[in-house]
Amino acid sequence: MTDLPRHVHIHEEGPREGIQIEPVNLSVADKVRFIEALAETGVRQIDCVSFVNPKRVPTMADADEVARAIRKRPDVRYTGLWLNQKGLDRALTLPLDVVGSIRLTASETFSVRNTNRTIAQTIDEQRSWLATYRRHDVPLEWGYVMTAFGCSFEGEVPVDNVVAMVQQSIDLAAEFDYALKGIYLADTVGFATPADIERRIGILREKWPDMKVGLHLHDTRGTGVANVYAALKMGVDQFDSSVAGLGGCPFAEHKGAAGNVCTEDLVFMCHEMGIDTGIDLEALIECARMAEELFGHALPGKVMHAGSLSRFRKAA
């Protein structure tokens, strides 16, 4: 067991991954209000929009308007997601923090379903992105390997596939004289268990001992926070999460496509373990409750409903 990290870095995904699967299409004003409230909690990076085809993801049709309307704090990064060159070109025209990434998928079938590209075509697309990053002085940070734990179409994804995509990401970055900050493993459809987290991260560390690993986890089968705990014990300090447990992958092909691991549940656990996040848990709980109000239905976060332990400790 590695020493627990002293601080955990959280990328908030609610306004992007959360909203993309919701049937309720919020107004631009409500989306902006939600993002601005999250920025007041101490979260340092918020994924705000997706630059995707509005026919496939109608709730992101107003992404450009949302990006322009946010009143931004200087200590918060406001990012967006693109899955093709057209989306990247859009992002570069908007007042967002454009942070370069490499995005590959360990499952051929999911790659086609998600982006309409094979893995080989996706690799070529990454070269186009990397050339664009170079032209526009965009920093390259993380490589992402999606379906790194399993796929709704292909079942368990072999670890060798994941290792191959990590190596491919490193090689692509090197082609353009970049070095990756680290690799995110994405449990895109929620297959991972704590044992699988330990096994797959362990295999990566055997091959690349100094490589930083981040996790993008979904709570499809209720193991999200348990998976975070397993990763924390291995020293992982970088996580994507979604306030109130919002969201899910619209191309996961199952009704239980839950959202990312819930941000306030993750923050609560870290604080109780003595790990700093820099986030005001009470303010975050209020954002989770705002999300329930905006979408008009119950959301799966636990701490938002039970509350933190602070009032009990004050009473004592």
C-alpha atoms as a PDB file:
ATOM      1  CA  MET A   1       0.000   0.000   0.000  1.00  0.00           C
ATOM      2  CA  THR A   2       1.331   3.442  -0.993  1.00  0.00           C
ATOM      3  CA  ASP A   3       0.957   6.378   1.407  1.00  0.00           C
ATOM      4  CA  LEU A   4      -2.367   8.152   0.987  1.00  0.00           C
ATOM      5  CA  PRO A   5      -2.126  11.416  -0.949  1.00  0.00           C
ATOM      6  CA  ARG A   6      -2.278  14.581   1.142  1.00  0.00           C
ATOM      7  CA  HIS A   7      -4.320  16.418  -1.475  1.00  0.00           C
ATOM      8  CA  VAL A   8      -6.715  15.189  -4.167  1.00  0.00           C
ATOM      9  CA  HIS A   9      -7.345  17.098  -7.396  1.00  0.00           C
ATOM     10  CA  ILE A  10     -10.949  16.927  -8.611  1.00  0.00           C
ATOM     11  CA  HIS A  11     -12.185  17.807 -12.098  1.00  0.00           C
ATOM     12  CA  GLU A  12     -15.903  18.598 -11.913  1.00  0.00           C
ATOM     13  CA  GLU A  13     -17.822  17.022 -14.812  1.00  0.00           C
ATOM     14  CA  GLY A  14     -21.451  17.742 -13.833  1.00  0.00           C
ATOM     15  CA  PRO A  15     -22.229  20.620 -16.211  1.00  0.00           C
ATOM     16  CA  ARG A  16     -20.897  18.636 -19.162  1.00  0.00           C
ATOM     17  CA  GLU A  17     -21.187  14.890 -18.612  1.00  0.00           C
ATOM     18  CA  GLY A  18     -24.071  15.401 -16.211  1.00  0.00           C
ATOM     19  CA  ILE A  19     -26.244  17.449 -18.495  1.00  0.00           C
ATOM     20  CA  GLN A  20     -25.563  15.466 -21.693  1.00  0.00           C
ATOM     21  CA  ILE A  21     -27.770  12.522 -20.714  1.00  0.00           C
ATOM     22  CA  GLU A  22     -30.585  14.418 -18.958  1.00  0.00           C
ATOM     23  CA  PRO A  23     -33.948  14.614 -20.763  1.00  0.00           C
ATOM     24  CA  VAL A  24     -34.504  18.138 -19.404  1.00  0.00           C
ATOM     25  CA  ASN A  25     -32.827  20.767 -21.565  1.00  0.00           C
ATOM     26  CA  LEU A  26     -31.888  23.630 -19.261  1.00  0.00           C
ATOM     27  CA  SER A  27     -31.812  27.223 -20.424  1.00  0.00           C
ATOM     28  CA  VAL A  28     -28.457  28.906 -21.024  1.00  0.00           C
ATOM     29  CA  ALA A  29     -29.078  31.059 -17.936  1.00  0.00           C
ATOM     30  CA  ASP A  30     -29.649  28.005 -15.713  1.00  0.00           C
ATOM     31  CA  LYS A  31     -26.573  26.211 -17.047  1.00  0.00           C
ATOM     32  CA  VAL A  32     -24.463  29.291 -16.403  1.00  0.00           C
ATOM     33  CA  ARG A  33     -25.898  29.742 -12.899  1.00  0.00           C
ATOM     34  CA  PHE A  34     -25.066  26.126 -12.112  1.00  0.00           C
ATOM     35  CA  ILE A  35     -21.478  26.455 -13.390  1.00  0.00           C
ATOM     36  CA  GLU A  36     -20.912  29.708 -11.541  1.00  0.00           C
ATOM     37  CA  ALA A  37     -22.206  28.204  -8.276  1.00  0.00           C
ATOM     38  CA  LEU A  38     -19.814  25.258  -8.649  1.00  0.00           C
ATOM     39  CA  ALA A  39     -16.926  27.680  -9.214  1.00  0.00           C
ATOM     40  CA  GLU A  40     -17.605  29.199  -5.772  1.00  0.00           C
ATOM     41  CA  THR A  41     -17.073  25.866  -3.966  1.00  0.00           C
ATOM     42  CA  GLY A  42     -13.302  25.661  -4.380  1.00  0.00           C
ATOM     43  CA  VAL A  43     -13.387  23.321  -7.380  1.00  0.00           C
ATOM     44  CA  ARG A  44     -10.472  24.319  -9.601  1.00  0.00           C
ATOM     45  CA  GLN A  45     -11.568  22.804 -12.932  1.00  0.00           C
ATOM     46  CA  ILE A  46     -15.070  22.535 -14.373  1.00  0.00           C
ATOM     47  CA  ASP A  47     -15.906  20.790 -17.635  1.00  0.00           C
ATOM     48  CA  CYS A  48     -18.705  23.032 -18.859  1.00  0.00           C
ATOM     49  CA  VAL A  49     -19.779  21.901 -22.340  1.00  0.00           C
ATOM     50  CA  SER A  50     -19.285  19.338 -25.118  1.00  0.00           C
ATOM     51  CA  PHE A  51     -18.608  20.363 -28.693  1.00  0.00           C
ATOM     52  CA  VAL A  52     -20.585  17.551 -30.264  1.00  0.00           C
ATOM     53  CA  ASN A  53     -23.231  17.085 -32.928  1.00  0.00           C
ATOM     54  CA  PRO A  54     -26.478  18.501 -31.447  1.00  0.00           C
ATOM     55  CA  LYS A  55     -28.467  15.819 -33.281  1.00  0.00           C
ATOM     56  CA  ARG A  56     -26.699  13.200 -31.162  1.00  0.00           C
ATOM     57  CA  VAL A  57     -26.573  15.222 -27.924  1.00  0.00           C
ATOM     58  CA  PRO A  58     -29.342  17.867 -28.080  1.00  0.00           C
ATOM     59  CA  THR A  59     -28.609  19.253 -24.604  1.00  0.00           C
ATOM     60  CA  MET A  60     -25.263  20.565 -25.898  1.00  0.00           C
ATOM     61  CA  ALA A  61     -26.717  22.515 -28.832  1.00  0.00           C
ATOM     62  CA  ASP A  62     -26.126  25.803 -26.974  1.00  0.00           C
ATOM     63  CA  ALA A  63     -22.518  25.047 -25.952  1.00  0.00           C
ATOM     64  CA  ASP A  64     -21.084  28.165 -27.608  1.00  0.00           C
ATOM     65  CA  GLU A  65     -23.620  30.446 -25.898  1.00  0.00           C
ATOM     66  CA  VAL A  66     -22.939  28.882 -22.509  1.00  0.00           C
ATOM     67  CA  ALA A  67     -19.163  29.229 -22.929  1.00  0.00           C
ATOM     68  CA  ARG A  68     -19.520  32.933 -23.747  1.00  0.00           C
ATOM     69  CA  ALA A  69     -21.936  33.706 -20.920  1.00  0.00           C
ATOM     70  CA  ILE A  70     -20.003  32.328 -17.914  1.00  0.00           C
ATOM     71  CA  ARG A  71     -18.553  34.947 -15.564  1.00  0.00           C
ATOM     72  CA  LYS A  72     -15.203  33.392 -14.870  1.00  0.00           C
ATOM     73  CA  ARG A  73     -13.090  33.315 -11.731  1.00  0.00           C
ATOM     74  CA  PRO A  74      -9.333  33.649 -12.362  1.00  0.00           C
ATOM     75  CA  ASP A  75      -8.542  30.666 -10.110  1.00  0.00           C
ATOM     76  CA  VAL A  76     -10.820  28.202 -11.949  1.00  0.00           C
ATOM     77  CA  ARG A  77     -10.248  26.475 -15.295  1.00  0.00           C
ATOM     78  CA  TYR A  78     -13.363  26.279 -17.462  1.00  0.00           C
ATOM     79  CA  THR A  79     -12.963  23.524 -20.042  1.00  0.00           C
ATOM     80  CA  GLY A  80     -14.954  21.753 -22.739  1.00  0.00           C
ATOM     81  CA  LEU A  81     -14.831  18.360 -24.429  1.00  0.00           C
ATOM     82  CA  TRP A  82     -14.334  17.678 -28.127  1.00  0.00           C
ATOM     83  CA  LEU A  83     -14.237  14.294 -29.844  1.00  0.00           C
ATOM     84  CA  ASN A  84     -13.205  15.401 -33.331  1.00  0.00           C
ATOM     85  CA  GLN A  85     -11.287  18.142 -35.148  1.00  0.00           C
ATOM     86  CA  LYS A  86     -14.418  20.189 -35.790  1.00  0.00           C
ATOM     87  CA  GLY A  87     -15.131  20.298 -32.064  1.00  0.00           C
ATOM     88  CA  LEU A  88     -11.557  21.341 -31.274  1.00  0.00           C
ATOM     89  CA  ASP A  89     -11.748  24.132 -33.859  1.00  0.00           C
ATOM     90  CA  ARG A  90     -14.947  25.388 -32.174  1.00  0.00           C
ATOM     91  CA  ALA A  91     -13.351  25.309 -28.743  1.00  0.00           C
ATOM     92  CA  LEU A  92     -10.460  27.459 -29.942  1.00  0.00           C
ATOM     93  CA  THR A  93     -12.862  30.269 -30.916  1.00  0.00           C
ATOM     94  CA  LEU A  94     -14.430  30.513 -27.449  1.00  0.00           C
ATOM     95  CA  PRO A  95     -13.399  32.048 -24.105  1.00  0.00           C
ATOM     96  CA  LEU A  96     -12.610  28.698 -22.474  1.00  0.00           C
ATOM     97  CA  ASP A  97      -9.415  27.129 -21.161  1.00  0.00           C
ATOM     98  CA  VAL A  98      -8.421  24.844 -24.014  1.00  0.00           C
ATOM     99  CA  VAL A  99      -6.317  22.080 -22.485  1.00  0.00           C
ATOM    100  CA  GLY A 100      -4.903  19.505 -24.875  1.00  0.00           C
ATOM    101  CA  SER A 101      -5.576  15.807 -24.412  1.00  0.00           C
ATOM    102  CA  ILE A 102      -5.159  12.547 -26.306  1.00  0.00           C
ATOM    103  CA  ARG A 103      -8.286  10.371 -26.258  1.00  0.00           C
ATOM    104  CA  LEU A 104      -8.189   6.729 -27.285  1.00  0.00           C
ATOM    105  CA  THR A 105     -10.513   3.804 -26.604  1.00  0.00           C
ATOM    106  CA  ALA A 106      -9.536   0.274 -25.603  1.00  0.00           C
ATOM    107  CA  SER A 107     -12.689  -1.236 -27.185  1.00  0.00           C
ATOM    108  CA  GLU A 108     -13.050  -1.146 -30.974  1.00  0.00           C
ATOM    109  CA  THR A 109     -16.840  -1.412 -30.871  1.00  0.00           C
ATOM    110  CA  PHE A 110     -17.265   1.373 -28.329  1.00  0.00           C
ATOM    111  CA  SER A 111     -14.911   3.602 -30.318  1.00  0.00           C
ATOM    112  CA  VAL A 112     -17.163   3.283 -33.370  1.00  0.00           C
ATOM    113  CA  ARG A 113     -20.377   3.755 -31.360  1.00  0.00           C
ATOM    114  CA  ASN A 114     -19.039   6.769 -29.469  1.00  0.00           C
ATOM    115  CA  THR A 115     -17.222   8.703 -32.208  1.00  0.00           C
ATOM    116  CA  ASN A 116     -18.024   6.845 -35.448  1.00  0.00           C
ATOM    117  CA  ARG A 117     -14.309   6.073 -35.829  1.00  0.00           C
ATOM    118  CA  THR A 118     -12.278   2.899 -35.481  1.00  0.00           C
ATOM    119  CA  ILE A 119      -9.273   2.903 -33.163  1.00  0.00           C
ATOM    120  CA  ALA A 120      -6.941   3.287 -36.166  1.00  0.00           C
ATOM    121  CA  GLN A 121      -8.962   6.251 -37.450  1.00  0.00           C
ATOM    122  CA  THR A 122      -8.965   7.756 -33.961  1.00  0.00           C
ATOM    123  CA  ILE A 123      -5.177   7.545 -33.791  1.00  0.00           C
ATOM    124  CA  ASP A 124      -4.958   9.493 -37.059  1.00  0.00           C
ATOM    125  CA  GLU A 125      -7.418  12.041 -35.646  1.00  0.00           C
ATOM    126  CA  GLN A 126      -5.167  12.541 -32.615  1.00  0.00           C
ATOM    127  CA  ARG A 127      -2.328  13.553 -34.911  1.00  0.00           C
ATOM    128  CA  SER A 128      -4.567  16.254 -36.341  1.00  0.00           C
ATOM    129  CA  TRP A 129      -5.351  17.463 -32.811  1.00  0.00           C
ATOM    130  CA  LEU A 130      -1.698  17.452 -31.811  1.00  0.00           C
ATOM    131  CA  ALA A 131      -0.722  19.481 -34.877  1.00  0.00           C
ATOM    132  CA  THR A 132      -3.468  21.973 -33.954  1.00  0.00           C
ATOM    133  CA  TYR A 133      -2.220  22.162 -30.358  1.00  0.00           C
ATOM    134  CA  ARG A 134       1.250  22.973 -31.657  1.00  0.00           C
ATOM    135  CA  ARG A 135      -0.019  25.694 -34.013  1.00  0.00           C
ATOM    136  CA  HIS A 136      -2.041  27.352 -31.260  1.00  0.00           C
ATOM    137  CA  ASP A 137       0.408  26.847 -28.354  1.00  0.00           C
ATOM    138  CA  VAL A 138      -2.105  24.662 -26.534  1.00  0.00           C
ATOM    139  CA  PRO A 139      -0.518  22.714 -23.651  1.00  0.00           C
ATOM    140  CA  LEU A 140      -0.914  18.942 -23.743  1.00  0.00           C
ATOM    141  CA  GLU A 141      -1.691  17.407 -20.353  1.00  0.00           C
ATOM    142  CA  TRP A 142      -3.387  14.011 -20.063  1.00  0.00           C
ATOM    143  CA  GLY A 143      -3.947  10.989 -22.205  1.00  0.00           C
ATOM    144  CA  TYR A 144      -7.334   9.292 -21.715  1.00  0.00           C
ATOM    145  CA  VAL A 145      -8.024   5.626 -22.336  1.00  0.00           C
ATOM    146  CA  MET A 146     -11.782   5.052 -22.463  1.00  0.00           C
ATOM    147  CA  THR A 147     -13.431   1.699 -21.689  1.00  0.00           C
ATOM    148  CA  ALA A 148     -10.265   0.838 -19.770  1.00  0.00           C
ATOM    149  CA  PHE A 149     -12.114  -1.649 -17.538  1.00  0.00           C
ATOM    150  CA  GLY A 150     -14.877  -3.043 -19.727  1.00  0.00           C
ATOM    151  CA  CYS A 151     -17.283  -2.440 -22.582  1.00  0.00           C
ATOM    152  CA  SER A 152     -21.048  -2.915 -22.847  1.00  0.00           C
ATOM    153  CA  PHE A 153     -20.552  -4.380 -26.331  1.00  0.00           C
ATOM    154  CA  GLU A 154     -17.383  -6.465 -25.949  1.00  0.00           C
ATOM    155  CA  GLY A 155     -17.458  -7.352 -22.258  1.00  0.00           C
ATOM    156  CA  GLU A 156     -14.198  -7.357 -20.317  1.00  0.00           C
ATOM    157  CA  VAL A 157     -11.474  -5.387 -22.051  1.00  0.00           C
ATOM    158  CA  PRO A 158      -8.102  -7.193 -21.927  1.00  0.00           C
ATOM    159  CA  VAL A 159      -5.419  -5.373 -19.955  1.00  0.00           C
ATOM    160  CA  ASP A 160      -3.136  -5.742 -22.991  1.00  0.00           C
ATOM    161  CA  ASN A 161      -5.527  -3.484 -24.948  1.00  0.00           C
ATOM    162  CA  VAL A 162      -5.236  -0.829 -22.254  1.00  0.00           C
ATOM    163  CA  VAL A 163      -1.433  -1.078 -22.123  1.00  0.00           C
ATOM    164  CA  ALA A 164      -1.317  -0.757 -25.927  1.00  0.00           C
ATOM    165  CA  MET A 165      -3.442   2.412 -25.837  1.00  0.00           C
ATOM    166  CA  VAL A 166      -1.288   3.932 -23.087  1.00  0.00           C
ATOM    167  CA  GLN A 167       1.839   3.227 -25.141  1.00  0.00           C
ATOM    168  CA  GLN A 168       0.135   4.652 -28.227  1.00  0.00           C
ATOM    169  CA  SER A 169      -0.717   7.833 -26.299  1.00  0.00           C
ATOM    170  CA  ILE A 170       2.887   8.245 -25.139  1.00  0.00           C
ATOM    171  CA  ASP A 171       4.172   7.658 -28.679  1.00  0.00           C
ATOM    172  CA  LEU A 172       1.718  10.129 -30.230  1.00  0.00           C
ATOM    173  CA  ALA A 173       2.738  12.835 -27.764  1.00  0.00           C
ATOM    174  CA  ALA A 174       6.423  12.195 -28.503  1.00  0.00           C
ATOM    175  CA  GLU A 175       5.816  12.543 -32.267  1.00  0.00           C
ATOM    176  CA  PHE A 176       4.930  16.187 -31.626  1.00  0.00           C
ATOM    177  CA  ASP A 177       7.590  16.807 -28.947  1.00  0.00           C
ATOM    178  CA  TYR A 178       5.125  16.678 -26.080  1.00  0.00           C
ATOM    179  CA  ALA A 179       5.358  14.716 -22.855  1.00  0.00           C
ATOM    180  CA  LEU A 180       2.125  13.650 -21.188  1.00  0.00           C
ATOM    181  CA  LYS A 181       1.429  14.734 -17.623  1.00  0.00           C
ATOM    182  CA  GLY A 182      -0.112  11.296 -17.065  1.00  0.00           C
ATOM    183  CA  ILE A 183      -2.810   8.853 -18.144  1.00  0.00           C
ATOM    184  CA  TYR A 184      -6.456   8.797 -17.140  1.00  0.00           C
ATOM    185  CA  LEU A 185      -8.122   5.404 -17.135  1.00  0.00           C
ATOM    186  CA  ALA A 186     -11.824   5.859 -17.853  1.00  0.00           C
ATOM    187  CA  ASP A 187     -14.378   3.344 -16.611  1.00  0.00           C
ATOM    188  CA  THR A 188     -16.751   4.681 -19.236  1.00  0.00           C
ATOM    189  CA  VAL A 189     -19.604   2.221 -18.653  1.00  0.00           C
ATOM    190  CA  GLY A 190     -19.012   1.263 -15.022  1.00  0.00           C
ATOM    191  CA  PHE A 191     -17.378  -2.185 -15.050  1.00  0.00           C
ATOM    192  CA  ALA A 192     -14.610  -1.530 -12.517  1.00  0.00           C
ATOM    193  CA  THR A 193     -14.321  -3.064  -9.054  1.00  0.00           C
ATOM    194  CA  PRO A 194     -11.683  -2.243  -6.409  1.00  0.00           C
ATOM    195  CA  ALA A 195      -9.748  -5.404  -7.268  1.00  0.00           C
ATOM    196  CA  ASP A 196      -9.706  -4.415 -10.937  1.00  0.00           C
ATOM    197  CA  ILE A 197      -8.559  -0.883 -10.055  1.00  0.00           C
ATOM    198  CA  GLU A 198      -5.623  -2.332  -8.114  1.00  0.00           C
ATOM    199  CA  ARG A 199      -4.752  -4.843 -10.823  1.00  0.00           C
ATOM    200  CA  ARG A 200      -4.828  -2.513 -13.794  1.00  0.00           C
ATOM    201  CA  ILE A 201      -3.070   0.395 -12.119  1.00  0.00           C
ATOM    202  CA  GLY A 202      -0.517  -2.072 -10.765  1.00  0.00           C
ATOM    203  CA  ILE A 203       0.218  -3.400 -14.259  1.00  0.00           C
ATOM    204  CA  LEU A 204       0.673   0.138 -15.620  1.00  0.00           C
ATOM    205  CA  ARG A 205       3.042   1.013 -12.780  1.00  0.00           C
ATOM    206  CA  GLU A 206       5.128  -2.085 -13.408  1.00  0.00           C
ATOM    207  CA  LYS A 207       5.718  -0.848 -16.966  1.00  0.00           C
ATOM    208  CA  TRP A 208       5.809   2.912 -16.225  1.00  0.00           C
ATOM    209  CA  PRO A 209       6.741   3.334 -12.527  1.00  0.00           C
ATOM    210  CA  ASP A 210       6.818   7.144 -12.599  1.00  0.00           C
ATOM    211  CA  MET A 211       3.666   7.737 -14.639  1.00  0.00           C
ATOM    212  CA  LYS A 212       0.852   9.654 -12.944  1.00  0.00           C
ATOM    213  CA  VAL A 213      -2.545   7.958 -13.162  1.00  0.00           C
ATOM    214  CA  GLY A 214      -5.943   9.634 -12.941  1.00  0.00           C
ATOM    215  CA  LEU A 215      -9.366   8.003 -12.924  1.00  0.00           C
ATOM    216  CA  HIS A 216     -12.647   8.823 -14.631  1.00  0.00           C
ATOM    217  CA  LEU A 217     -15.096   6.526 -12.846  1.00  0.00           C
ATOM    218  CA  HIS A 218     -18.783   5.789 -13.320  1.00  0.00           C
ATOM    219  CA  ASP A 219     -21.019   4.488 -10.559  1.00  0.00           C
ATOM    220  CA  THR A 220     -23.127   2.210 -12.765  1.00  0.00           C
ATOM    221  CA  ARG A 221     -22.947  -0.761 -10.407  1.00  0.00           C
ATOM    222  CA  GLY A 222     -22.490   1.118  -7.133  1.00  0.00           C
ATOM    223  CA  THR A 223     -18.718   0.666  -6.798  1.00  0.00           C
ATOM    224  CA  GLY A 224     -17.674   4.233  -7.651  1.00  0.00           C
ATOM    225  CA  VAL A 225     -16.568   5.435  -4.205  1.00  0.00           C
ATOM    226  CA  ALA A 226     -15.106   2.002  -3.350  1.00  0.00           C
ATOM    227  CA  ASN A 227     -13.012   2.257  -6.520  1.00  0.00           C
ATOM    228  CA  VAL A 228     -11.795   5.701  -5.457  1.00  0.00           C
ATOM    229  CA  TYR A 229     -10.805   4.292  -2.071  1.00  0.00           C
ATOM    230  CA  ALA A 230      -8.817   1.501  -3.720  1.00  0.00           C
ATOM    231  CA  ALA A 231      -7.056   4.065  -5.918  1.00  0.00           C
ATOM    232  CA  LEU A 232      -6.302   6.390  -2.995  1.00  0.00           C
ATOM    233  CA  LYS A 233      -4.524   3.524  -1.257  1.00  0.00           C
ATOM    234  CA  MET A 234      -2.327   3.296  -4.363  1.00  0.00           C
ATOM    235  CA  GLY A 235      -1.522   7.017  -4.182  1.00  0.00           C
ATOM    236  CA  VAL A 236      -3.812   8.171  -7.016  1.00  0.00           C
ATOM    237  CA  ASP A 237      -4.700  11.826  -6.474  1.00  0.00           C
ATOM    238  CA  GLN A 238      -6.534  12.843  -9.665  1.00  0.00           C
ATOM    239  CA  PHE A 239     -10.228  12.129 -10.254  1.00  0.00           C
ATOM    240  CA  ASP A 240     -13.088  13.245 -12.486  1.00  0.00           C
ATOM    241  CA  SER A 241     -16.417  13.416 -10.666  1.00  0.00           C
ATOM    242  CA  SER A 242     -19.920  14.788 -11.102  1.00  0.00           C
ATOM    243  CA  VAL A 243     -21.895  16.795  -8.560  1.00  0.00           C
ATOM    244  CA  ALA A 244     -24.969  14.913  -7.251  1.00  0.00           C
ATOM    245  CA  GLY A 245     -23.879  11.879  -9.284  1.00  0.00           C
ATOM    246  CA  LEU A 246     -25.268  13.475 -12.435  1.00  0.00           C
ATOM    247  CA  GLY A 247     -24.821  12.055 -15.861  1.00  0.00           C
ATOM    248  CA  GLY A 248     -23.805   8.973 -17.774  1.00  0.00           C
ATOM    249  CA  CYS A 249     -22.635   7.993 -21.219  1.00  0.00           C
ATOM    250  CA  PRO A 250     -25.459   8.276 -23.800  1.00  0.00           C
ATOM    251  CA  PHE A 251     -23.779   5.590 -25.923  1.00  0.00           C
ATOM    252  CA  ALA A 252     -23.322   2.984 -23.159  1.00  0.00           C
ATOM    253  CA  GLU A 253     -26.294   0.913 -24.416  1.00  0.00           C
ATOM    254  CA  HIS A 254     -27.820   0.115 -21.044  1.00  0.00           C
ATOM    255  CA  LYS A 255     -30.472   1.777 -18.897  1.00  0.00           C
ATOM    256  CA  GLY A 256     -28.240   1.857 -15.827  1.00  0.00           C
ATOM    257  CA  ALA A 257     -25.702   4.234 -17.384  1.00  0.00           C
ATOM    258  CA  ALA A 258     -25.005   6.080 -14.160  1.00  0.00           C
ATOM    259  CA  GLY A 259     -23.026   9.259 -13.898  1.00  0.00           C
ATOM    260  CA  ASN A 260     -19.519   9.794 -12.659  1.00  0.00           C
ATOM    261  CA  VAL A 261     -18.663   9.052  -9.073  1.00  0.00           C
ATOM    262  CA  CYS A 262     -20.480  11.718  -7.056  1.00  0.00           C
ATOM    263  CA  THR A 263     -18.322  14.767  -6.249  1.00  0.00           C
ATOM    264  CA  GLU A 264     -19.700  15.543  -2.797  1.00  0.00           C
ATOM    265  CA  ASP A 265     -19.553  11.872  -1.780  1.00  0.00           C
ATOM    266  CA  LEU A 266     -15.926  11.760  -2.928  1.00  0.00           C
ATOM    267  CA  VAL A 267     -15.085  15.019  -1.110  1.00  0.00           C
ATOM    268  CA  PHE A 268     -16.792  13.809   2.077  1.00  0.00           C
ATOM    269  CA  MET A 269     -14.792  10.562   2.060  1.00  0.00           C
ATOM    270  CA  CYS A 270     -11.500  12.350   1.397  1.00  0.00           C
ATOM    271  CA  HIS A 271     -12.076  14.866   4.195  1.00  0.00           C
ATOM    272  CA  GLU A 272     -12.997  12.105   6.636  1.00  0.00           C
ATOM    273  CA  MET A 273      -9.723  10.374   5.709  1.00  0.00           C
ATOM    274  CA  GLY A 274      -7.742  13.550   6.347  1.00  0.00           C
ATOM    275  CA  ILE A 275      -7.134  14.227   2.646  1.00  0.00           C
ATOM    276  CA  ASP A 276      -7.465  17.847   1.529  1.00  0.00           C
ATOM    277  CA  THR A 277      -9.466  18.746  -1.588  1.00  0.00           C
ATOM    278  CA  GLY A 278      -9.628  22.532  -1.271  1.00  0.00           C
ATOM    279  CA  ILE A 279     -13.415  22.259  -1.659  1.00  0.00           C
ATOM    280  CA  ASP A 280     -16.119  23.600   0.663  1.00  0.00           C
ATOM    281  CA  LEU A 281     -18.308  20.525   1.196  1.00  0.00           C
ATOM    282  CA  GLU A 282     -21.344  22.459   2.443  1.00  0.00           C
ATOM    283  CA  ALA A 283     -21.284  24.739  -0.619  1.00  0.00           C
ATOM    284  CA  LEU A 284     -20.954  21.694  -2.845  1.00  0.00           C
ATOM    285  CA  ILE A 285     -23.978  20.050  -1.186  1.00  0.00           C
ATOM    286  CA  GLU A 286     -25.993  23.169  -2.006  1.00  0.00           C
ATOM    287  CA  CYS A 287     -24.920  22.833  -5.669  1.00  0.00           C
ATOM    288  CA  ALA A 288     -26.086  19.210  -5.649  1.00  0.00           C
ATOM    289  CA  ARG A 289     -29.458  20.287  -4.305  1.00  0.00           C
ATOM    290  CA  MET A 290     -29.593  22.993  -6.980  1.00  0.00           C
ATOM    291  CA  ALA A 291     -29.069  20.271  -9.593  1.00  0.00           C
ATOM    292  CA  GLU A 292     -32.057  18.314  -8.261  1.00  0.00           C
ATOM    293  CA  GLU A 293     -34.139  21.475  -8.427  1.00  0.00           C
ATOM    294  CA  LEU A 294     -33.039  22.281 -11.970  1.00  0.00           C
ATOM    295  CA  PHE A 295     -33.651  18.794 -13.356  1.00  0.00           C
ATOM    296  CA  GLY A 296     -36.814  18.158 -11.353  1.00  0.00           C
ATOM    297  CA  HIS A 297     -36.056  14.664 -10.111  1.00  0.00           C
ATOM    298  CA  ALA A 298     -34.070  12.848  -7.419  1.00  0.00           C
ATOM    299  CA  LEU A 299     -30.351  12.417  -8.074  1.00  0.00           C
ATOM    300  CA  PRO A 300     -28.215   9.571  -6.714  1.00  0.00           C
ATOM    301  CA  GLY A 301     -25.749  11.443  -4.495  1.00  0.00           C
ATOM    302  CA  LYS A 302     -25.770  10.256  -0.870  1.00  0.00           C
ATOM    303  CA  VAL A 303     -24.210  13.112   1.102  1.00  0.00           C
ATOM    304  CA  MET A 304     -26.511  15.687  -0.529  1.00  0.00           C
ATOM    305  CA  HIS A 305     -29.470  13.909   1.094  1.00  0.00           C
ATOM    306  CA  ALA A 306     -27.928  12.887   4.427  1.00  0.00           C
ATOM    307  CA  GLY A 307     -25.823  16.018   4.912  1.00  0.00           C
ATOM    308  CA  SER A 308     -22.249  16.162   6.198  1.00  0.00           C
ATOM    309  CA  LEU A 309     -21.294  15.338   9.777  1.00  0.00           C
ATOM    310  CA  SER A 310     -20.457  18.944  10.712  1.00  0.00           C
ATOM    311  CA  ARG A 311     -23.763  19.734  12.456  1.00  0.00           C
ATOM    312  CA  PHE A 312     -23.450  16.620  14.629  1.00  0.00           C
ATOM    313  CA  ARG A 313     -19.935  17.568  15.600  1.00  0.00           C
ATOM    314  CA  LYS A 314     -21.023  21.097  16.442  1.00  0.00           C
ATOM    315  CA  ALA A 315     -23.816  19.740  18.606  1.00  0.00           C
ATOM    316  CA  ALA A 316     -21.347  17.571  20.493  1.00  0.00           C
END
